[in-house]
């Protein structure tokens, strides 16, 4: 017979049912929810980007590099379009692609990383750039994410890991000449 004794010194023992299962009173929550409560969850948002070219054209949208000591777990991806496509083929979907390990040092507009726990002082150590320039995809690499977007707003559950020191590049293949949109990710830093 085994007995589990309270290690805090209160002298209590654990209850076991007739099938020899330990009786517990537990609160179960999603890892992302717990990370948000602890100040370890984030939101990365490009805010509105105006994209202009001669359709079809490809535009880099977002570069993210993990400079933390721990992995980043990305759990959500969102896209929003202002609905103001013009010129060229305005009815074709926009194709979004995400690639891992892009090369080059990105130029562009720095994107803030927001802590999902309001008022939490934690600052995340990511490099995030909107409309990054000087970044290329390794030859022959297939996209990690591949998504057609027809307009409006979309949010989807995704599950991928950006290890410490690794990076991703999100880009769009656009058929029209002008469009305004935003995109980004939600996720958390894995506990050490």
C-alpha atoms as a PDB file:
ATOM      1  CA  UNK A   1       0.000   0.000   0.000  1.00  0.00           C
ATOM      2  CA  UNK A   2       1.254   3.485  -0.912  1.00  0.00           C
ATOM      3  CA  UNK A   3       0.405   6.682   0.903  1.00  0.00           C
ATOM      4  CA  UNK A   4       1.007  10.181  -0.427  1.00  0.00           C
ATOM      5  CA  UNK A   5       1.752  12.513   2.469  1.00  0.00           C
ATOM      6  CA  UNK A   6       1.552  16.303   2.284  1.00  0.00           C
ATOM      7  CA  UNK A   7       5.067  17.700   1.935  1.00  0.00           C
ATOM      8  CA  UNK A   8       4.131  21.023   3.567  1.00  0.00           C
ATOM      9  CA  UNK A   9       4.101  19.452   7.012  1.00  0.00           C
ATOM     10  CA  UNK A  10       0.346  19.713   7.614  1.00  0.00           C
ATOM     11  CA  UNK A  11       0.042  15.944   8.036  1.00  0.00           C
ATOM     12  CA  UNK A  12      -2.705  15.487   5.421  1.00  0.00           C
ATOM     13  CA  UNK A  13      -2.912  12.577   3.030  1.00  0.00           C
ATOM     14  CA  UNK A  14      -4.243  12.301  -0.526  1.00  0.00           C
ATOM     15  CA  UNK A  15      -7.644  10.688  -1.118  1.00  0.00           C
ATOM     16  CA  UNK A  16      -7.836   7.677  -3.429  1.00  0.00           C
ATOM     17  CA  UNK A  17     -11.066   6.265  -4.885  1.00  0.00           C
ATOM     18  CA  UNK A  18     -12.077   2.575  -5.109  1.00  0.00           C
ATOM     19  CA  UNK A  19     -10.326   2.253  -8.502  1.00  0.00           C
ATOM     20  CA  UNK A  20      -7.038   3.463  -6.956  1.00  0.00           C
ATOM     21  CA  UNK A  21      -7.245   6.851  -8.670  1.00  0.00           C
ATOM     22  CA  UNK A  22      -6.020   9.952  -6.892  1.00  0.00           C
ATOM     23  CA  UNK A  23      -8.809  12.420  -6.137  1.00  0.00           C
ATOM     24  CA  UNK A  24      -7.995  15.966  -7.200  1.00  0.00           C
ATOM     25  CA  UNK A  25      -9.707  19.303  -7.512  1.00  0.00           C
ATOM     26  CA  UNK A  26      -8.129  20.930 -10.571  1.00  0.00           C
ATOM     27  CA  UNK A  27      -8.561  24.003 -12.720  1.00  0.00           C
ATOM     28  CA  UNK A  28      -7.661  23.216 -16.324  1.00  0.00           C
ATOM     29  CA  UNK A  29      -6.897  26.024 -18.759  1.00  0.00           C
ATOM     30  CA  UNK A  30      -5.294  26.461 -22.132  1.00  0.00           C
ATOM     31  CA  UNK A  31      -1.523  27.107 -22.115  1.00  0.00           C
ATOM     32  CA  UNK A  32      -2.049  30.339 -24.099  1.00  0.00           C
ATOM     33  CA  UNK A  33      -4.643  31.596 -21.595  1.00  0.00           C
ATOM     34  CA  UNK A  34      -2.242  30.843 -18.742  1.00  0.00           C
ATOM     35  CA  UNK A  35       0.595  32.633 -20.579  1.00  0.00           C
ATOM     36  CA  UNK A  36      -1.637  35.704 -21.003  1.00  0.00           C
ATOM     37  CA  UNK A  37      -2.440  35.666 -17.283  1.00  0.00           C
ATOM     38  CA  UNK A  38       1.291  35.465 -16.503  1.00  0.00           C
ATOM     39  CA  UNK A  39       2.265  38.278 -18.918  1.00  0.00           C
ATOM     40  CA  UNK A  40       3.993  35.927 -21.384  1.00  0.00           C
ATOM     41  CA  UNK A  41       1.506  36.228 -24.296  1.00  0.00           C
ATOM     42  CA  UNK A  42       1.812  38.757 -27.101  1.00  0.00           C
ATOM     43  CA  UNK A  43       0.144  40.334 -30.107  1.00  0.00           C
ATOM     44  CA  UNK A  44       2.110  41.367 -33.211  1.00  0.00           C
ATOM     45  CA  UNK A  45       0.135  43.580 -35.637  1.00  0.00           C
ATOM     46  CA  UNK A  46       1.435  45.411 -38.707  1.00  0.00           C
ATOM     47  CA  UNK A  47      -1.460  47.871 -38.421  1.00  0.00           C
ATOM     48  CA  UNK A  48      -2.755  49.163 -41.764  1.00  0.00           C
ATOM     49  CA  UNK A  49      -0.360  48.754 -44.675  1.00  0.00           C
ATOM     50  CA  UNK A  50      -0.965  50.419 -48.040  1.00  0.00           C
ATOM     51  CA  UNK A  51       0.317  48.124 -50.770  1.00  0.00           C
ATOM     52  CA  UNK A  52       0.813  49.524 -54.244  1.00  0.00           C
ATOM     53  CA  UNK A  53       2.197  47.925 -57.378  1.00  0.00           C
ATOM     54  CA  UNK A  54       1.215  46.700 -60.803  1.00  0.00           C
ATOM     55  CA  UNK A  55      -0.751  43.508 -60.325  1.00  0.00           C
ATOM     56  CA  UNK A  56       0.250  40.826 -60.055  1.00  0.00           C
ATOM     57  CA  UNK A  57       3.019  41.655 -57.577  1.00  0.00           C
ATOM     58  CA  UNK A  58       4.516  40.161 -54.416  1.00  0.00           C
ATOM     59  CA  UNK A  59       4.929  42.229 -51.246  1.00  0.00           C
ATOM     60  CA  UNK A  60       6.776  41.291 -48.047  1.00  0.00           C
ATOM     61  CA  UNK A  61       4.433  42.073 -45.144  1.00  0.00           C
ATOM     62  CA  UNK A  62       6.015  41.029 -41.860  1.00  0.00           C
ATOM     63  CA  UNK A  63       9.378  39.775 -40.626  1.00  0.00           C
ATOM     64  CA  UNK A  64       9.631  38.314 -37.098  1.00  0.00           C
ATOM     65  CA  UNK A  65      12.837  37.155 -35.422  1.00  0.00           C
ATOM     66  CA  UNK A  66      12.899  35.561 -31.979  1.00  0.00           C
ATOM     67  CA  UNK A  67      15.694  37.061 -29.859  1.00  0.00           C
ATOM     68  CA  UNK A  68      14.348  35.515 -26.636  1.00  0.00           C
ATOM     69  CA  UNK A  69      16.161  32.627 -24.913  1.00  0.00           C
ATOM     70  CA  UNK A  70      12.988  30.512 -25.213  1.00  0.00           C
ATOM     71  CA  UNK A  71      10.820  29.395 -28.117  1.00  0.00           C
ATOM     72  CA  UNK A  72       7.888  31.458 -29.354  1.00  0.00           C
ATOM     73  CA  UNK A  73       4.657  29.480 -29.749  1.00  0.00           C
ATOM     74  CA  UNK A  74       2.377  31.127 -32.331  1.00  0.00           C
ATOM     75  CA  UNK A  75      -1.275  30.154 -31.890  1.00  0.00           C
ATOM     76  CA  UNK A  76      -3.286  32.632 -33.981  1.00  0.00           C
ATOM     77  CA  UNK A  77      -2.968  34.443 -37.304  1.00  0.00           C
ATOM     78  CA  UNK A  78      -5.194  37.301 -38.423  1.00  0.00           C
ATOM     79  CA  UNK A  79      -5.715  39.244 -41.644  1.00  0.00           C
ATOM     80  CA  UNK A  80      -7.899  42.295 -42.180  1.00  0.00           C
ATOM     81  CA  UNK A  81      -8.593  44.111 -45.413  1.00  0.00           C
ATOM     82  CA  UNK A  82      -9.996  47.641 -45.710  1.00  0.00           C
ATOM     83  CA  UNK A  83     -12.006  46.676 -48.796  1.00  0.00           C
ATOM     84  CA  UNK A  84     -10.489  49.303 -51.044  1.00  0.00           C
ATOM     85  CA  UNK A  85      -8.857  47.244 -53.799  1.00  0.00           C
ATOM     86  CA  UNK A  86      -8.354  49.120 -57.036  1.00  0.00           C
ATOM     87  CA  UNK A  87      -6.729  48.628 -60.435  1.00  0.00           C
ATOM     88  CA  UNK A  88      -5.935  45.292 -62.052  1.00  0.00           C
ATOM     89  CA  UNK A  89      -7.808  42.198 -60.933  1.00  0.00           C
ATOM     90  CA  UNK A  90      -9.767  43.325 -57.867  1.00  0.00           C
ATOM     91  CA  UNK A  91     -11.784  40.107 -57.485  1.00  0.00           C
ATOM     92  CA  UNK A  92      -8.955  37.571 -57.196  1.00  0.00           C
ATOM     93  CA  UNK A  93      -7.959  36.463 -53.706  1.00  0.00           C
ATOM     94  CA  UNK A  94      -4.706  37.563 -52.115  1.00  0.00           C
ATOM     95  CA  UNK A  95      -2.380  34.632 -51.497  1.00  0.00           C
ATOM     96  CA  UNK A  96      -0.511  34.815 -48.180  1.00  0.00           C
ATOM     97  CA  UNK A  97       2.612  32.703 -47.653  1.00  0.00           C
ATOM     98  CA  UNK A  98       4.888  32.317 -44.663  1.00  0.00           C
ATOM     99  CA  UNK A  99       8.476  31.108 -44.878  1.00  0.00           C
ATOM    100  CA  UNK A 100      11.027  30.141 -42.260  1.00  0.00           C
ATOM    101  CA  UNK A 101      14.646  31.249 -42.053  1.00  0.00           C
ATOM    102  CA  UNK A 102      14.654  34.170 -44.496  1.00  0.00           C
ATOM    103  CA  UNK A 103      18.084  35.606 -45.236  1.00  0.00           C
ATOM    104  CA  UNK A 104      19.238  39.216 -45.096  1.00  0.00           C
ATOM    105  CA  UNK A 105      18.956  42.094 -42.657  1.00  0.00           C
ATOM    106  CA  UNK A 106      15.485  43.617 -42.932  1.00  0.00           C
ATOM    107  CA  UNK A 107      14.841  47.299 -43.410  1.00  0.00           C
ATOM    108  CA  UNK A 108      11.339  48.677 -42.954  1.00  0.00           C
ATOM    109  CA  UNK A 109       9.026  49.929 -40.217  1.00  0.00           C
ATOM    110  CA  UNK A 110       9.419  48.466 -36.735  1.00  0.00           C
ATOM    111  CA  UNK A 111       6.267  46.788 -35.435  1.00  0.00           C
ATOM    112  CA  UNK A 112       5.491  46.907 -31.702  1.00  0.00           C
ATOM    113  CA  UNK A 113       4.952  43.692 -29.762  1.00  0.00           C
ATOM    114  CA  UNK A 114       2.093  44.149 -27.296  1.00  0.00           C
ATOM    115  CA  UNK A 115       1.793  42.219 -24.045  1.00  0.00           C
ATOM    116  CA  UNK A 116      -1.673  40.604 -23.809  1.00  0.00           C
ATOM    117  CA  UNK A 117      -1.748  41.245 -20.039  1.00  0.00           C
ATOM    118  CA  UNK A 118      -2.692  44.895 -19.775  1.00  0.00           C
ATOM    119  CA  UNK A 119      -0.240  46.850 -17.662  1.00  0.00           C
ATOM    120  CA  UNK A 120       2.353  44.077 -17.485  1.00  0.00           C
ATOM    121  CA  UNK A 121       5.877  45.534 -17.691  1.00  0.00           C
ATOM    122  CA  UNK A 122       7.375  42.612 -19.635  1.00  0.00           C
ATOM    123  CA  UNK A 123       8.977  43.642 -22.927  1.00  0.00           C
ATOM    124  CA  UNK A 124       9.427  40.907 -25.530  1.00  0.00           C
ATOM    125  CA  UNK A 125      12.763  40.551 -27.304  1.00  0.00           C
ATOM    126  CA  UNK A 126      11.598  40.114 -30.901  1.00  0.00           C
ATOM    127  CA  UNK A 127      12.638  41.906 -34.079  1.00  0.00           C
ATOM    128  CA  UNK A 128       9.420  42.711 -35.979  1.00  0.00           C
ATOM    129  CA  UNK A 129       9.420  44.709 -39.212  1.00  0.00           C
ATOM    130  CA  UNK A 130       6.484  45.644 -41.466  1.00  0.00           C
ATOM    131  CA  UNK A 131       7.042  45.711 -45.242  1.00  0.00           C
ATOM    132  CA  UNK A 132      10.589  44.392 -44.774  1.00  0.00           C
ATOM    133  CA  UNK A 133      13.136  45.019 -47.506  1.00  0.00           C
ATOM    134  CA  UNK A 134      16.480  43.253 -48.106  1.00  0.00           C
ATOM    135  CA  UNK A 135      15.040  39.870 -47.062  1.00  0.00           C
ATOM    136  CA  UNK A 136      14.872  36.809 -49.306  1.00  0.00           C
ATOM    137  CA  UNK A 137      13.522  33.286 -49.043  1.00  0.00           C
ATOM    138  CA  UNK A 138      15.997  30.410 -49.329  1.00  0.00           C
ATOM    139  CA  UNK A 139      15.856  28.882 -52.810  1.00  0.00           C
ATOM    140  CA  UNK A 140      13.436  25.978 -53.221  1.00  0.00           C
ATOM    141  CA  UNK A 141      11.780  26.391 -49.819  1.00  0.00           C
ATOM    142  CA  UNK A 142       8.069  25.561 -49.622  1.00  0.00           C
ATOM    143  CA  UNK A 143       5.824  27.860 -47.571  1.00  0.00           C
ATOM    144  CA  UNK A 144       5.035  26.913 -43.963  1.00  0.00           C
ATOM    145  CA  UNK A 145       1.605  28.577 -44.223  1.00  0.00           C
ATOM    146  CA  UNK A 146      -0.361  29.092 -47.441  1.00  0.00           C
ATOM    147  CA  UNK A 147      -3.678  30.943 -47.271  1.00  0.00           C
ATOM    148  CA  UNK A 148      -6.031  32.548 -49.820  1.00  0.00           C
ATOM    149  CA  UNK A 149      -7.881  35.622 -48.568  1.00  0.00           C
ATOM    150  CA  UNK A 150     -10.959  36.964 -50.364  1.00  0.00           C
ATOM    151  CA  UNK A 151     -11.532  40.114 -48.289  1.00  0.00           C
ATOM    152  CA  UNK A 152     -12.863  41.230 -44.933  1.00  0.00           C
ATOM    153  CA  UNK A 153     -11.344  39.898 -41.727  1.00  0.00           C
ATOM    154  CA  UNK A 154     -10.063  36.413 -41.020  1.00  0.00           C
ATOM    155  CA  UNK A 155      -8.676  34.798 -37.874  1.00  0.00           C
ATOM    156  CA  UNK A 156      -7.411  31.263 -37.681  1.00  0.00           C
ATOM    157  CA  UNK A 157      -5.760  28.950 -35.220  1.00  0.00           C
ATOM    158  CA  UNK A 158      -2.233  28.079 -36.258  1.00  0.00           C
ATOM    159  CA  UNK A 159       0.367  26.194 -34.310  1.00  0.00           C
ATOM    160  CA  UNK A 160       4.007  26.723 -35.090  1.00  0.00           C
ATOM    161  CA  UNK A 161       7.167  27.349 -33.122  1.00  0.00           C
ATOM    162  CA  UNK A 162       9.833  29.977 -33.753  1.00  0.00           C
ATOM    163  CA  UNK A 163      12.922  28.731 -31.894  1.00  0.00           C
ATOM    164  CA  UNK A 164      15.321  31.142 -30.227  1.00  0.00           C
ATOM    165  CA  UNK A 165      17.356  32.855 -32.972  1.00  0.00           C
ATOM    166  CA  UNK A 166      15.002  31.781 -35.794  1.00  0.00           C
ATOM    167  CA  UNK A 167      12.861  34.020 -37.993  1.00  0.00           C
ATOM    168  CA  UNK A 168       9.891  33.994 -40.378  1.00  0.00           C
ATOM    169  CA  UNK A 169       8.760  36.099 -43.334  1.00  0.00           C
ATOM    170  CA  UNK A 170       5.105  36.632 -44.279  1.00  0.00           C
ATOM    171  CA  UNK A 171       4.367  37.871 -47.785  1.00  0.00           C
ATOM    172  CA  UNK A 172       1.380  38.434 -50.075  1.00  0.00           C
ATOM    173  CA  UNK A 173       0.846  37.759 -53.763  1.00  0.00           C
ATOM    174  CA  UNK A 174      -1.543  40.461 -54.990  1.00  0.00           C
ATOM    175  CA  UNK A 175      -3.452  40.612 -58.298  1.00  0.00           C
ATOM    176  CA  UNK A 176      -4.801  44.176 -58.028  1.00  0.00           C
ATOM    177  CA  UNK A 177      -2.762  47.391 -58.081  1.00  0.00           C
ATOM    178  CA  UNK A 178      -3.692  48.862 -54.690  1.00  0.00           C
ATOM    179  CA  UNK A 179      -4.957  47.407 -51.420  1.00  0.00           C
ATOM    180  CA  UNK A 180      -4.836  48.274 -47.697  1.00  0.00           C
ATOM    181  CA  UNK A 181      -4.618  45.499 -45.132  1.00  0.00           C
ATOM    182  CA  UNK A 182      -3.145  44.463 -41.804  1.00  0.00           C
ATOM    183  CA  UNK A 183      -1.919  41.135 -40.525  1.00  0.00           C
ATOM    184  CA  UNK A 184      -0.236  39.615 -37.505  1.00  0.00           C
ATOM    185  CA  UNK A 185       0.023  36.861 -34.952  1.00  0.00           C
ATOM    186  CA  UNK A 186      -0.883  36.021 -31.365  1.00  0.00           C
ATOM    187  CA  UNK A 187       1.201  33.692 -29.270  1.00  0.00           C
ATOM    188  CA  UNK A 188       3.334  33.292 -26.190  1.00  0.00           C
ATOM    189  CA  UNK A 189       6.888  32.734 -25.032  1.00  0.00           C
ATOM    190  CA  UNK A 190       7.320  29.206 -23.757  1.00  0.00           C
ATOM    191  CA  UNK A 191       8.301  29.030 -20.085  1.00  0.00           C
ATOM    192  CA  UNK A 192      11.925  28.224 -19.362  1.00  0.00           C
END
